[in-house]
Amino acid sequence: MPFVFNQGARIYWEEQGSGDPVLMIMGLSYTLDMWYRLRPSVSARYRTILFDNRGVGRSDAPSGPYSMRQMADDARAVLDAAGVESAYVMGASMGGMIAQELTLRHPERVRALLLGCSWPGGLRSKLPRFKRLQVSSSTPAARDRREWAVAPMLYAEATPKERIAEDIEVRRNYPPTPAGFLSQLAAIVMWSSYSRLPRISVPTLVIHGDEDRIMPPANGRLLAERIPGARFHLITGAGHIITTDQPDVVDYEVLRFLDEQTAKSSIVA
């Protein structure tokens, strides 16, 4: 299995597909496996590169707190390990924050940016509701009960329970530890990109669910307003886990954006 070592942690990564590279970064406490709905359609056209953030899954969980800069450098190390000079970068929730930090710290590594259900941090943002997402090192049955208890915060009201159950089954394989969760959460709390966002010059698409109770949609709009030329798309009937709430819409918007960028680069070349 492929690992890359960076700043005291082994980071697990994997790839699928061929073509222009797309780096996909998952959010707080989730492993790369939670891309399972979107990954097949993207990897059918592109070379997808995914990894477990430090603190979760198959990656190491060194003592925290972590920083967004540290996790962005983990992402860069994965690109290095994959032999990729630059990629389209996609991030969900905390993954979107890591993607922003990667773009700001290493702009030469990012061709275009796609941010889903994320925020820029800082006092002008609408505070996320992370308190109810805390984890505990309990039994599998207790973890399942907790998953169902917080589901109304994560998903749209009309999302079929069968889809939510599929997500819970995926997350059951690598449950987060309290230490890993809190170390990642510290990175979110201590971070802001707000004042730096006008420095981002790559094409950017921001997507957000209109029923997002964890990360209110105003945060997505703020991102798009602060990043020059960014587009904002509000997805109707989607909460925080937009890939589960509206998988077909997310597939369409993501592939349309990536295909647009690929077409533009082909013309320039």
C-alpha atoms as a PDB file:
ATOM      1  CA  MET A   1       0.000   0.000   0.000  1.00  0.00           C
ATOM      2  CA  PRO A   2       1.378   3.453  -0.848  1.00  0.00           C
ATOM      3  CA  PHE A   3       2.410   5.747   1.982  1.00  0.00           C
ATOM      4  CA  VAL A   4       4.344   8.991   2.036  1.00  0.00           C
ATOM      5  CA  PHE A   5       6.066  10.347   5.143  1.00  0.00           C
ATOM      6  CA  ASN A   6       5.614  14.019   6.015  1.00  0.00           C
ATOM      7  CA  GLN A   7       6.222  15.978   9.220  1.00  0.00           C
ATOM      8  CA  GLY A   8       6.041  13.064  11.602  1.00  0.00           C
ATOM      9  CA  ALA A   9       3.236  11.107   9.964  1.00  0.00           C
ATOM     10  CA  ARG A  10       2.825   8.377   7.362  1.00  0.00           C
ATOM     11  CA  ILE A  11       0.072   9.468   4.995  1.00  0.00           C
ATOM     12  CA  TYR A  12      -1.868   6.777   3.156  1.00  0.00           C
ATOM     13  CA  TRP A  13      -2.822   7.539  -0.445  1.00  0.00           C
ATOM     14  CA  GLU A  14      -4.139   5.762  -3.507  1.00  0.00           C
ATOM     15  CA  GLU A  15      -5.033   6.500  -7.106  1.00  0.00           C
ATOM     16  CA  GLN A  16      -7.425   5.339  -9.789  1.00  0.00           C
ATOM     17  CA  GLY A  17      -7.999   6.151 -13.454  1.00  0.00           C
ATOM     18  CA  SER A  18      -5.877   7.985 -16.004  1.00  0.00           C
ATOM     19  CA  GLY A  19      -5.694  11.392 -17.597  1.00  0.00           C
ATOM     20  CA  ASP A  20      -5.292  14.798 -15.987  1.00  0.00           C
ATOM     21  CA  PRO A  21      -4.791  14.423 -12.217  1.00  0.00           C
ATOM     22  CA  VAL A  22      -7.489  15.351  -9.697  1.00  0.00           C
ATOM     23  CA  LEU A  23      -6.550  15.502  -6.009  1.00  0.00           C
ATOM     24  CA  MET A  24      -9.595  14.815  -3.799  1.00  0.00           C
ATOM     25  CA  ILE A  25      -9.394  15.868  -0.130  1.00  0.00           C
ATOM     26  CA  MET A  26     -11.968  14.682   2.414  1.00  0.00           C
ATOM     27  CA  GLY A  27     -13.280  16.519   5.485  1.00  0.00           C
ATOM     28  CA  LEU A  28     -13.211  16.340   9.263  1.00  0.00           C
ATOM     29  CA  SER A  29     -12.868  12.790  10.687  1.00  0.00           C
ATOM     30  CA  TYR A  30     -13.672  11.084   7.358  1.00  0.00           C
ATOM     31  CA  THR A  31     -11.356   8.888   5.286  1.00  0.00           C
ATOM     32  CA  LEU A  32     -10.924   8.921   1.514  1.00  0.00           C
ATOM     33  CA  ASP A  33     -13.544   6.165   1.343  1.00  0.00           C
ATOM     34  CA  MET A  34     -16.294   8.779   1.719  1.00  0.00           C
ATOM     35  CA  TRP A  35     -15.620   9.850  -1.884  1.00  0.00           C
ATOM     36  CA  TYR A  36     -17.161   6.524  -2.947  1.00  0.00           C
ATOM     37  CA  ARG A  37     -20.183   8.087  -4.667  1.00  0.00           C
ATOM     38  CA  LEU A  38     -18.275  10.658  -6.720  1.00  0.00           C
ATOM     39  CA  ARG A  39     -15.009   8.824  -7.296  1.00  0.00           C
ATOM     40  CA  PRO A  40     -16.203   6.367  -9.998  1.00  0.00           C
ATOM     41  CA  SER A  41     -17.452   9.067 -12.375  1.00  0.00           C
ATOM     42  CA  VAL A  42     -14.376  11.256 -11.911  1.00  0.00           C
ATOM     43  CA  SER A  43     -11.887   8.376 -12.220  1.00  0.00           C
ATOM     44  CA  ALA A  44     -13.607   7.283 -15.442  1.00  0.00           C
ATOM     45  CA  ARG A  45     -12.210  10.452 -17.083  1.00  0.00           C
ATOM     46  CA  TYR A  46      -9.369  11.560 -14.818  1.00  0.00           C
ATOM     47  CA  ARG A  47      -6.541  10.234 -12.695  1.00  0.00           C
ATOM     48  CA  THR A  48      -7.939  10.548  -9.177  1.00  0.00           C
ATOM     49  CA  ILE A  49      -5.528  10.817  -6.251  1.00  0.00           C
ATOM     50  CA  LEU A  50      -6.968  10.449  -2.761  1.00  0.00           C
ATOM     51  CA  PHE A  51      -5.536  10.196   0.744  1.00  0.00           C
ATOM     52  CA  ASP A  52      -6.476   9.871   4.393  1.00  0.00           C
ATOM     53  CA  ASN A  53      -5.719  13.058   6.283  1.00  0.00           C
ATOM     54  CA  ARG A  54      -3.425  12.710   9.272  1.00  0.00           C
ATOM     55  CA  GLY A  55      -5.429  11.601  12.290  1.00  0.00           C
ATOM     56  CA  VAL A  56      -7.833   9.240  10.518  1.00  0.00           C
ATOM     57  CA  GLY A  57      -8.018   5.952   8.665  1.00  0.00           C
ATOM     58  CA  ARG A  58      -4.828   4.328   7.464  1.00  0.00           C
ATOM     59  CA  SER A  59      -2.707   7.448   7.984  1.00  0.00           C
ATOM     60  CA  ASP A  60      -0.849   7.996  11.238  1.00  0.00           C
ATOM     61  CA  ALA A  61      -2.384  10.015  14.049  1.00  0.00           C
ATOM     62  CA  PRO A  62       0.517  11.791  15.743  1.00  0.00           C
ATOM     63  CA  SER A  63      -0.116  13.950  18.782  1.00  0.00           C
ATOM     64  CA  GLY A  64      -1.961  17.152  17.936  1.00  0.00           C
ATOM     65  CA  PRO A  65      -3.164  19.726  17.582  1.00  0.00           C
ATOM     66  CA  TYR A  66      -2.694  19.790  13.813  1.00  0.00           C
ATOM     67  CA  SER A  67      -2.573  22.894  11.643  1.00  0.00           C
ATOM     68  CA  MET A  68      -4.154  23.550   8.258  1.00  0.00           C
ATOM     69  CA  ARG A  69      -0.685  24.382   6.943  1.00  0.00           C
ATOM     70  CA  GLN A  70       0.547  20.980   8.089  1.00  0.00           C
ATOM     71  CA  MET A  71      -2.306  19.145   6.389  1.00  0.00           C
ATOM     72  CA  ALA A  72      -1.861  21.180   3.203  1.00  0.00           C
ATOM     73  CA  ASP A  73       1.771  20.119   3.197  1.00  0.00           C
ATOM     74  CA  ASP A  74       0.580  16.517   3.580  1.00  0.00           C
ATOM     75  CA  ALA A  75      -1.440  17.052   0.396  1.00  0.00           C
ATOM     76  CA  ARG A  76       1.619  18.419  -1.378  1.00  0.00           C
ATOM     77  CA  ALA A  77       3.640  15.401  -0.214  1.00  0.00           C
ATOM     78  CA  VAL A  78       1.004  13.109  -1.749  1.00  0.00           C
ATOM     79  CA  LEU A  79       1.310  14.958  -5.069  1.00  0.00           C
ATOM     80  CA  ASP A  80       5.074  14.536  -4.858  1.00  0.00           C
ATOM     81  CA  ALA A  81       4.716  10.816  -4.147  1.00  0.00           C
ATOM     82  CA  ALA A  82       2.377  10.465  -7.128  1.00  0.00           C
ATOM     83  CA  GLY A  83       4.851  12.295  -9.374  1.00  0.00           C
ATOM     84  CA  VAL A  84       2.329  15.056 -10.102  1.00  0.00           C
ATOM     85  CA  GLU A  85       3.565  18.603 -10.646  1.00  0.00           C
ATOM     86  CA  SER A  86       0.097  20.172 -10.615  1.00  0.00           C
ATOM     87  CA  ALA A  87      -3.476  18.938 -10.336  1.00  0.00           C
ATOM     88  CA  TYR A  88      -7.083  19.974 -10.195  1.00  0.00           C
ATOM     89  CA  VAL A  89      -7.801  20.095  -6.472  1.00  0.00           C
ATOM     90  CA  MET A  90     -11.168  19.276  -4.922  1.00  0.00           C
ATOM     91  CA  GLY A  91     -11.998  19.505  -1.225  1.00  0.00           C
ATOM     92  CA  ALA A  92     -15.099  18.845   0.875  1.00  0.00           C
ATOM     93  CA  SER A  93     -15.701  20.720   4.149  1.00  0.00           C
ATOM     94  CA  MET A  94     -12.343  20.649   6.008  1.00  0.00           C
ATOM     95  CA  GLY A  95     -10.912  19.223   2.803  1.00  0.00           C
ATOM     96  CA  GLY A  96     -11.922  22.483   1.126  1.00  0.00           C
ATOM     97  CA  MET A  97      -9.948  24.386   3.754  1.00  0.00           C
ATOM     98  CA  ILE A  98      -6.913  22.189   3.115  1.00  0.00           C
ATOM     99  CA  ALA A  99      -7.375  22.815  -0.620  1.00  0.00           C
ATOM    100  CA  GLN A 100      -7.461  26.577  -0.060  1.00  0.00           C
ATOM    101  CA  GLU A 101      -4.310  26.434   2.058  1.00  0.00           C
ATOM    102  CA  LEU A 102      -2.551  24.260  -0.519  1.00  0.00           C
ATOM    103  CA  THR A 103      -3.441  26.778  -3.234  1.00  0.00           C
ATOM    104  CA  LEU A 104      -2.255  29.729  -1.150  1.00  0.00           C
ATOM    105  CA  ARG A 105       0.986  28.076  -0.037  1.00  0.00           C
ATOM    106  CA  HIS A 106       1.839  26.253  -3.248  1.00  0.00           C
ATOM    107  CA  PRO A 107      -0.052  27.924  -6.110  1.00  0.00           C
ATOM    108  CA  GLU A 108       2.118  26.245  -8.724  1.00  0.00           C
ATOM    109  CA  ARG A 109       0.685  22.854  -7.695  1.00  0.00           C
ATOM    110  CA  VAL A 110      -2.981  23.760  -8.323  1.00  0.00           C
ATOM    111  CA  ARG A 111      -4.521  24.072 -11.804  1.00  0.00           C
ATOM    112  CA  ALA A 112      -8.076  24.754 -10.647  1.00  0.00           C
ATOM    113  CA  LEU A 113      -9.979  24.630  -7.388  1.00  0.00           C
ATOM    114  CA  LEU A 114     -13.310  23.064  -6.480  1.00  0.00           C
ATOM    115  CA  LEU A 115     -14.634  23.745  -2.976  1.00  0.00           C
ATOM    116  CA  GLY A 116     -17.660  21.927  -1.568  1.00  0.00           C
ATOM    117  CA  CYS A 117     -19.545  22.774   1.641  1.00  0.00           C
ATOM    118  CA  SER A 118     -16.555  24.683   3.015  1.00  0.00           C
ATOM    119  CA  TRP A 119     -15.733  28.092   4.541  1.00  0.00           C
ATOM    120  CA  PRO A 120     -12.901  30.689   4.824  1.00  0.00           C
ATOM    121  CA  GLY A 121     -12.887  30.892   8.622  1.00  0.00           C
ATOM    122  CA  GLY A 122     -12.496  34.160  10.462  1.00  0.00           C
ATOM    123  CA  LEU A 123     -14.961  36.484  12.136  1.00  0.00           C
ATOM    124  CA  ARG A 124     -16.937  37.242   8.966  1.00  0.00           C
ATOM    125  CA  SER A 125     -17.928  33.600   8.453  1.00  0.00           C
ATOM    126  CA  LYS A 126     -21.005  31.877   9.844  1.00  0.00           C
ATOM    127  CA  LEU A 127     -19.723  29.630  12.597  1.00  0.00           C
ATOM    128  CA  PRO A 128     -19.977  25.902  11.861  1.00  0.00           C
ATOM    129  CA  ARG A 129     -21.844  23.654  14.295  1.00  0.00           C
ATOM    130  CA  PHE A 130     -19.215  21.080  15.164  1.00  0.00           C
ATOM    131  CA  LYS A 131     -20.217  20.465  18.778  1.00  0.00           C
ATOM    132  CA  ARG A 132     -22.795  17.799  17.941  1.00  0.00           C
ATOM    133  CA  LEU A 133     -20.279  15.919  15.777  1.00  0.00           C
ATOM    134  CA  GLN A 134     -17.941  14.987  18.627  1.00  0.00           C
ATOM    135  CA  VAL A 135     -16.877  11.340  18.695  1.00  0.00           C
ATOM    136  CA  SER A 136     -16.411   8.873  21.499  1.00  0.00           C
ATOM    137  CA  SER A 137     -14.425   5.663  21.739  1.00  0.00           C
ATOM    138  CA  SER A 138     -17.529   3.562  22.334  1.00  0.00           C
ATOM    139  CA  THR A 139     -18.799   0.244  21.000  1.00  0.00           C
ATOM    140  CA  PRO A 140     -19.752  -0.150  17.316  1.00  0.00           C
ATOM    141  CA  ALA A 141     -23.438  -0.253  18.265  1.00  0.00           C
ATOM    142  CA  ALA A 142     -23.132   2.987  20.226  1.00  0.00           C
ATOM    143  CA  ARG A 143     -21.291   4.617  17.318  1.00  0.00           C
ATOM    144  CA  ASP A 144     -24.099   3.609  14.967  1.00  0.00           C
ATOM    145  CA  ARG A 145     -26.677   5.133  17.314  1.00  0.00           C
ATOM    146  CA  ARG A 146     -24.679   8.332  17.395  1.00  0.00           C
ATOM    147  CA  GLU A 147     -24.415   8.368  13.582  1.00  0.00           C
ATOM    148  CA  TRP A 148     -28.198   8.209  13.273  1.00  0.00           C
ATOM    149  CA  ALA A 149     -28.606  10.834  15.994  1.00  0.00           C
ATOM    150  CA  VAL A 150     -26.472  13.392  14.120  1.00  0.00           C
ATOM    151  CA  ALA A 151     -27.790  12.477  10.653  1.00  0.00           C
ATOM    152  CA  PRO A 152     -30.353  15.331  10.661  1.00  0.00           C
ATOM    153  CA  MET A 153     -27.447  17.764  11.014  1.00  0.00           C
ATOM    154  CA  LEU A 154     -25.533  16.226   8.104  1.00  0.00           C
ATOM    155  CA  TYR A 155     -28.161  15.367   5.508  1.00  0.00           C
ATOM    156  CA  ALA A 156     -31.074  17.053   3.776  1.00  0.00           C
ATOM    157  CA  GLU A 157     -34.521  16.347   5.121  1.00  0.00           C
ATOM    158  CA  ALA A 158     -35.608  14.318   2.089  1.00  0.00           C
ATOM    159  CA  THR A 159     -32.487  12.172   1.736  1.00  0.00           C
ATOM    160  CA  PRO A 160     -33.487   8.483   1.698  1.00  0.00           C
ATOM    161  CA  LYS A 161     -32.503   6.592   4.833  1.00  0.00           C
ATOM    162  CA  GLU A 162     -31.036   3.868   2.628  1.00  0.00           C
ATOM    163  CA  ARG A 163     -28.379   6.279   1.350  1.00  0.00           C
ATOM    164  CA  ILE A 164     -27.560   7.441   4.873  1.00  0.00           C
ATOM    165  CA  ALA A 165     -27.207   3.810   5.937  1.00  0.00           C
ATOM    166  CA  GLU A 166     -24.739   3.241   3.075  1.00  0.00           C
ATOM    167  CA  ASP A 167     -22.603   6.140   4.312  1.00  0.00           C
ATOM    168  CA  ILE A 168     -22.657   4.836   7.873  1.00  0.00           C
ATOM    169  CA  GLU A 169     -21.528   1.441   6.637  1.00  0.00           C
ATOM    170  CA  VAL A 170     -18.561   3.062   4.830  1.00  0.00           C
ATOM    171  CA  ARG A 171     -17.605   5.079   7.897  1.00  0.00           C
ATOM    172  CA  ARG A 172     -17.828   1.993  10.119  1.00  0.00           C
ATOM    173  CA  ASN A 173     -14.612   0.598   8.592  1.00  0.00           C
ATOM    174  CA  TYR A 174     -12.395   3.370   9.998  1.00  0.00           C
ATOM    175  CA  PRO A 175     -14.103   5.110  12.916  1.00  0.00           C
ATOM    176  CA  PRO A 176     -12.336   8.276  14.097  1.00  0.00           C
ATOM    177  CA  THR A 177     -10.710   8.448  17.508  1.00  0.00           C
ATOM    178  CA  PRO A 178     -11.395  11.341  19.896  1.00  0.00           C
ATOM    179  CA  ALA A 179      -7.734  12.392  19.681  1.00  0.00           C
ATOM    180  CA  GLY A 180      -7.690  12.413  15.882  1.00  0.00           C
ATOM    181  CA  PHE A 181     -11.017  14.257  15.692  1.00  0.00           C
ATOM    182  CA  LEU A 182      -9.945  16.944  18.164  1.00  0.00           C
ATOM    183  CA  SER A 183      -6.536  17.387  16.524  1.00  0.00           C
ATOM    184  CA  GLN A 184      -8.202  18.039  13.152  1.00  0.00           C
ATOM    185  CA  LEU A 185     -10.859  20.245  14.737  1.00  0.00           C
ATOM    186  CA  ALA A 186      -8.130  22.392  16.279  1.00  0.00           C
ATOM    187  CA  ALA A 187      -6.768  23.054  12.785  1.00  0.00           C
ATOM    188  CA  ILE A 188     -10.181  24.330  11.685  1.00  0.00           C
ATOM    189  CA  VAL A 189     -10.699  26.534  14.723  1.00  0.00           C
ATOM    190  CA  MET A 190      -7.259  28.150  14.511  1.00  0.00           C
ATOM    191  CA  TRP A 191      -7.347  28.792  10.750  1.00  0.00           C
ATOM    192  CA  SER A 192      -8.599  31.484   8.400  1.00  0.00           C
ATOM    193  CA  SER A 193      -8.037  32.197   4.723  1.00  0.00           C
ATOM    194  CA  TYR A 194     -10.379  35.193   4.527  1.00  0.00           C
ATOM    195  CA  SER A 195      -7.786  37.954   4.109  1.00  0.00           C
ATOM    196  CA  ARG A 196      -5.682  35.863   1.707  1.00  0.00           C
ATOM    197  CA  LEU A 197      -8.405  34.627  -0.653  1.00  0.00           C
ATOM    198  CA  PRO A 198      -7.974  37.473  -3.201  1.00  0.00           C
ATOM    199  CA  ARG A 199      -4.522  36.014  -3.906  1.00  0.00           C
ATOM    200  CA  ILE A 200      -6.055  32.880  -5.449  1.00  0.00           C
ATOM    201  CA  SER A 201      -5.849  33.218  -9.228  1.00  0.00           C
ATOM    202  CA  VAL A 202      -6.873  29.761 -10.482  1.00  0.00           C
ATOM    203  CA  PRO A 203     -10.374  29.004 -11.832  1.00  0.00           C
ATOM    204  CA  THR A 204     -12.600  28.166  -8.861  1.00  0.00           C
ATOM    205  CA  LEU A 205     -16.027  26.605  -8.432  1.00  0.00           C
ATOM    206  CA  VAL A 206     -17.759  26.738  -5.043  1.00  0.00           C
ATOM    207  CA  ILE A 207     -20.725  24.410  -4.454  1.00  0.00           C
ATOM    208  CA  HIS A 208     -22.888  24.288  -1.346  1.00  0.00           C
ATOM    209  CA  GLY A 209     -26.110  22.673  -0.177  1.00  0.00           C
ATOM    210  CA  ASP A 210     -29.040  24.935   0.599  1.00  0.00           C
ATOM    211  CA  GLU A 211     -29.907  22.803   3.662  1.00  0.00           C
ATOM    212  CA  ASP A 212     -26.403  22.671   5.127  1.00  0.00           C
ATOM    213  CA  ARG A 213     -26.848  22.897   8.908  1.00  0.00           C
ATOM    214  CA  ILE A 214     -23.197  22.280   9.756  1.00  0.00           C
ATOM    215  CA  MET A 215     -21.656  24.864   7.436  1.00  0.00           C
ATOM    216  CA  PRO A 216     -24.331  27.462   6.542  1.00  0.00           C
ATOM    217  CA  PRO A 217     -24.513  28.355   2.804  1.00  0.00           C
ATOM    218  CA  ALA A 218     -23.444  31.941   3.512  1.00  0.00           C
ATOM    219  CA  ASN A 219     -19.928  30.558   3.935  1.00  0.00           C
ATOM    220  CA  GLY A 220     -19.878  29.233   0.371  1.00  0.00           C
ATOM    221  CA  ARG A 221     -21.126  32.548  -0.973  1.00  0.00           C
ATOM    222  CA  LEU A 222     -18.420  34.346   1.002  1.00  0.00           C
ATOM    223  CA  LEU A 223     -15.738  32.117  -0.500  1.00  0.00           C
ATOM    224  CA  ALA A 224     -16.960  32.846  -4.019  1.00  0.00           C
ATOM    225  CA  GLU A 225     -17.113  36.583  -3.324  1.00  0.00           C
ATOM    226  CA  ARG A 226     -13.556  36.672  -1.986  1.00  0.00           C
ATOM    227  CA  ILE A 227     -11.882  34.538  -4.685  1.00  0.00           C
ATOM    228  CA  PRO A 228     -11.500  36.528  -7.921  1.00  0.00           C
ATOM    229  CA  GLY A 229     -13.656  35.115 -10.713  1.00  0.00           C
ATOM    230  CA  ALA A 230     -15.032  32.241  -8.641  1.00  0.00           C
ATOM    231  CA  ARG A 231     -18.421  30.749  -9.495  1.00  0.00           C
ATOM    232  CA  PHE A 232     -20.957  29.772  -6.842  1.00  0.00           C
ATOM    233  CA  HIS A 233     -23.578  27.056  -7.277  1.00  0.00           C
ATOM    234  CA  LEU A 234     -26.193  26.414  -4.585  1.00  0.00           C
ATOM    235  CA  ILE A 235     -27.507  22.853  -4.732  1.00  0.00           C
ATOM    236  CA  THR A 236     -31.180  22.523  -3.873  1.00  0.00           C
ATOM    237  CA  GLY A 237     -32.150  19.729  -1.508  1.00  0.00           C
ATOM    238  CA  ALA A 238     -28.631  19.133  -0.192  1.00  0.00           C
ATOM    239  CA  GLY A 239     -27.245  19.338   3.310  1.00  0.00           C
ATOM    240  CA  HIS A 240     -23.601  19.046   4.331  1.00  0.00           C
ATOM    241  CA  ILE A 241     -22.972  15.655   2.705  1.00  0.00           C
ATOM    242  CA  ILE A 242     -23.836  16.897  -0.767  1.00  0.00           C
ATOM    243  CA  THR A 243     -22.483  13.828  -2.563  1.00  0.00           C
ATOM    244  CA  THR A 244     -25.110  11.704  -0.795  1.00  0.00           C
ATOM    245  CA  ASP A 245     -27.990  14.174  -0.812  1.00  0.00           C
ATOM    246  CA  GLN A 246     -27.731  15.061  -4.520  1.00  0.00           C
ATOM    247  CA  PRO A 247     -25.182  12.693  -6.128  1.00  0.00           C
ATOM    248  CA  ASP A 248     -26.315  13.214  -9.722  1.00  0.00           C
ATOM    249  CA  VAL A 249     -26.196  17.010  -9.449  1.00  0.00           C
ATOM    250  CA  VAL A 250     -22.751  16.930  -7.824  1.00  0.00           C
ATOM    251  CA  ASP A 251     -21.459  14.526 -10.502  1.00  0.00           C
ATOM    252  CA  TYR A 252     -22.726  16.835 -13.226  1.00  0.00           C
ATOM    253  CA  GLU A 253     -21.350  20.067 -11.739  1.00  0.00           C
ATOM    254  CA  VAL A 254     -17.951  18.595 -10.871  1.00  0.00           C
ATOM    255  CA  LEU A 255     -17.417  16.945 -14.257  1.00  0.00           C
ATOM    256  CA  ARG A 256     -18.652  19.993 -16.148  1.00  0.00           C
ATOM    257  CA  PHE A 257     -16.151  22.186 -14.288  1.00  0.00           C
ATOM    258  CA  LEU A 258     -13.253  19.755 -14.742  1.00  0.00           C
ATOM    259  CA  ASP A 259     -14.054  19.218 -18.418  1.00  0.00           C
ATOM    260  CA  GLU A 260     -14.170  23.003 -18.956  1.00  0.00           C
ATOM    261  CA  GLN A 261     -10.710  23.387 -17.456  1.00  0.00           C
ATOM    262  CA  THR A 262      -9.326  20.496 -19.489  1.00  0.00           C
ATOM    263  CA  ALA A 263     -10.739  21.986 -22.696  1.00  0.00           C
ATOM    264  CA  LYS A 264      -9.209  25.379 -21.918  1.00  0.00           C
ATOM    265  CA  SER A 265      -5.799  23.875 -21.220  1.00  0.00           C
ATOM    266  CA  SER A 266      -5.948  21.938 -24.496  1.00  0.00           C
ATOM    267  CA  ILE A 267      -6.606  25.158 -26.428  1.00  0.00           C
ATOM    268  CA  VAL A 268      -3.726  26.928 -24.703  1.00  0.00           C
ATOM    269  CA  ALA A 269      -1.413  24.001 -25.396  1.00  0.00           C
END
